[in-house]
Amino acid sequence: MEIKIGVQHVAREIVVDSALQAQEAVDRITAAVSSGDPLTLTDTKGNVTVVPANVIGYASVGAEQKRTVGFTPFAKQD
């Protein structure tokens, strides 16, 4: 699940590839903004990202999709 966080007064957004489900990610972001506690997210490699809640400008949670693995056969060309 890709989570993008926009930080106030910073041109670049923070992107975290997390194993969280979409609703769980939204709940964590909402709780952090409501309480003022820092938002802590762990990515799929185990890296931890901590964002102070008072600087979160926006958050975008990607849609849940299953990724396909393998090759797509190409149409034969004569």
C-alpha atoms as a PDB file:
ATOM      1  CA  MET A   1       0.000   0.000   0.000  1.00  0.00           C
ATOM      2  CA  GLU A   2       1.539   3.288  -1.076  1.00  0.00           C
ATOM      3  CA  ILE A   3       1.002   6.147   1.357  1.00  0.00           C
ATOM      4  CA  LYS A   4       1.933   9.684   0.306  1.00  0.00           C
ATOM      5  CA  ILE A   5       2.190  12.415   2.923  1.00  0.00           C
ATOM      6  CA  GLY A   6       2.491  16.071   2.054  1.00  0.00           C
ATOM      7  CA  VAL A   7       4.405  18.141   4.585  1.00  0.00           C
ATOM      8  CA  GLN A   8       3.616  21.834   4.997  1.00  0.00           C
ATOM      9  CA  HIS A   9       6.215  24.188   3.456  1.00  0.00           C
ATOM     10  CA  VAL A  10       8.092  21.278   1.830  1.00  0.00           C
ATOM     11  CA  ALA A  11       7.880  20.720  -1.928  1.00  0.00           C
ATOM     12  CA  ARG A  12       8.493  16.967  -1.802  1.00  0.00           C
ATOM     13  CA  GLU A  13       6.080  14.464  -0.385  1.00  0.00           C
ATOM     14  CA  ILE A  14       6.983  11.494   1.794  1.00  0.00           C
ATOM     15  CA  VAL A  15       6.171   8.144   0.174  1.00  0.00           C
ATOM     16  CA  VAL A  16       5.936   4.985   2.282  1.00  0.00           C
ATOM     17  CA  ASP A  17       5.254   1.526   0.828  1.00  0.00           C
ATOM     18  CA  SER A  18       3.469  -0.059   3.788  1.00  0.00           C
ATOM     19  CA  ALA A  19       1.919  -3.462   4.451  1.00  0.00           C
ATOM     20  CA  LEU A  20      -1.073  -1.771   6.137  1.00  0.00           C
ATOM     21  CA  GLN A  21      -4.579  -2.174   4.756  1.00  0.00           C
ATOM     22  CA  ALA A  22      -6.116   1.035   3.376  1.00  0.00           C
ATOM     23  CA  GLN A  23      -8.588   1.550   6.215  1.00  0.00           C
ATOM     24  CA  GLU A  24      -5.924   0.902   8.869  1.00  0.00           C
ATOM     25  CA  ALA A  25      -3.660   3.515   7.252  1.00  0.00           C
ATOM     26  CA  VAL A  26      -6.487   6.065   7.144  1.00  0.00           C
ATOM     27  CA  ASP A  27      -7.322   5.347  10.794  1.00  0.00           C
ATOM     28  CA  ARG A  28      -3.689   5.865  11.880  1.00  0.00           C
ATOM     29  CA  ILE A  29      -3.375   9.122   9.950  1.00  0.00           C
ATOM     30  CA  THR A  30      -6.683  10.436  11.272  1.00  0.00           C
ATOM     31  CA  ALA A  31      -5.776   9.497  14.856  1.00  0.00           C
ATOM     32  CA  ALA A  32      -2.397  11.230  14.609  1.00  0.00           C
ATOM     33  CA  VAL A  33      -3.876  14.439  13.207  1.00  0.00           C
ATOM     34  CA  SER A  34      -6.710  14.453  15.786  1.00  0.00           C
ATOM     35  CA  SER A  35      -4.485  13.776  18.801  1.00  0.00           C
ATOM     36  CA  GLY A  36      -1.410  15.713  17.693  1.00  0.00           C
ATOM     37  CA  ASP A  37       0.808  12.661  18.270  1.00  0.00           C
ATOM     38  CA  PRO A  38       3.443  11.906  15.606  1.00  0.00           C
ATOM     39  CA  LEU A  39       2.437   9.586  12.773  1.00  0.00           C
ATOM     40  CA  THR A  40       4.693   6.522  12.755  1.00  0.00           C
ATOM     41  CA  LEU A  41       4.694   4.220   9.728  1.00  0.00           C
ATOM     42  CA  THR A  42       6.849   1.173   8.984  1.00  0.00           C
ATOM     43  CA  ASP A  43       7.522   0.300   5.360  1.00  0.00           C
ATOM     44  CA  THR A  44       7.768  -3.164   3.833  1.00  0.00           C
ATOM     45  CA  LYS A  45      11.562  -3.206   4.383  1.00  0.00           C
ATOM     46  CA  GLY A  46      11.286  -2.394   8.090  1.00  0.00           C
ATOM     47  CA  ASN A  47      12.251   1.286   7.848  1.00  0.00           C
ATOM     48  CA  VAL A  48      10.363   3.548  10.244  1.00  0.00           C
ATOM     49  CA  THR A  49       9.128   7.006   9.222  1.00  0.00           C
ATOM     50  CA  VAL A  50       7.952   9.462  11.880  1.00  0.00           C
ATOM     51  CA  VAL A  51       6.071  12.597  10.828  1.00  0.00           C
ATOM     52  CA  PRO A  52       4.988  15.251  13.355  1.00  0.00           C
ATOM     53  CA  ALA A  53       1.196  15.508  13.107  1.00  0.00           C
ATOM     54  CA  ASN A  54       1.195  19.317  13.140  1.00  0.00           C
ATOM     55  CA  VAL A  55       3.064  19.514   9.783  1.00  0.00           C
ATOM     56  CA  ILE A  56       0.920  17.043   7.804  1.00  0.00           C
ATOM     57  CA  GLY A  57      -0.639  18.959   4.929  1.00  0.00           C
ATOM     58  CA  TYR A  58      -2.358  15.993   3.268  1.00  0.00           C
ATOM     59  CA  ALA A  59      -2.198  12.225   3.028  1.00  0.00           C
ATOM     60  CA  SER A  60      -3.038  10.000   0.089  1.00  0.00           C
ATOM     61  CA  VAL A  61      -3.612   6.277   0.573  1.00  0.00           C
ATOM     62  CA  GLY A  62      -3.350   4.166  -2.581  1.00  0.00           C
ATOM     63  CA  ALA A  63      -6.069   1.764  -3.642  1.00  0.00           C
ATOM     64  CA  GLU A  64      -5.638  -1.843  -2.652  1.00  0.00           C
ATOM     65  CA  GLN A  65      -4.625  -3.877  -5.680  1.00  0.00           C
ATOM     66  CA  LYS A  66      -3.191  -7.308  -6.070  1.00  0.00           C
ATOM     67  CA  ARG A  67      -0.034  -7.199  -8.115  1.00  0.00           C
ATOM     68  CA  THR A  68       0.323  -9.696 -10.901  1.00  0.00           C
ATOM     69  CA  VAL A  69       3.537 -11.602 -11.351  1.00  0.00           C
ATOM     70  CA  GLY A  70       4.701 -13.083 -14.606  1.00  0.00           C
ATOM     71  CA  PHE A  71       4.835 -12.245 -18.251  1.00  0.00           C
ATOM     72  CA  THR A  72       2.101 -11.194 -20.605  1.00  0.00           C
ATOM     73  CA  PRO A  73       2.276 -13.048 -23.907  1.00  0.00           C
ATOM     74  CA  PHE A  74       2.587 -10.798 -26.918  1.00  0.00           C
ATOM     75  CA  ALA A  75       0.424 -11.308 -29.991  1.00  0.00           C
ATOM     76  CA  LYS A  76       2.206 -13.020 -32.850  1.00  0.00           C
ATOM     77  CA  GLN A  77       3.114 -10.770 -35.718  1.00  0.00           C
ATOM     78  CA  ASP A  78       3.475 -12.292 -39.182  1.00  0.00           C
END
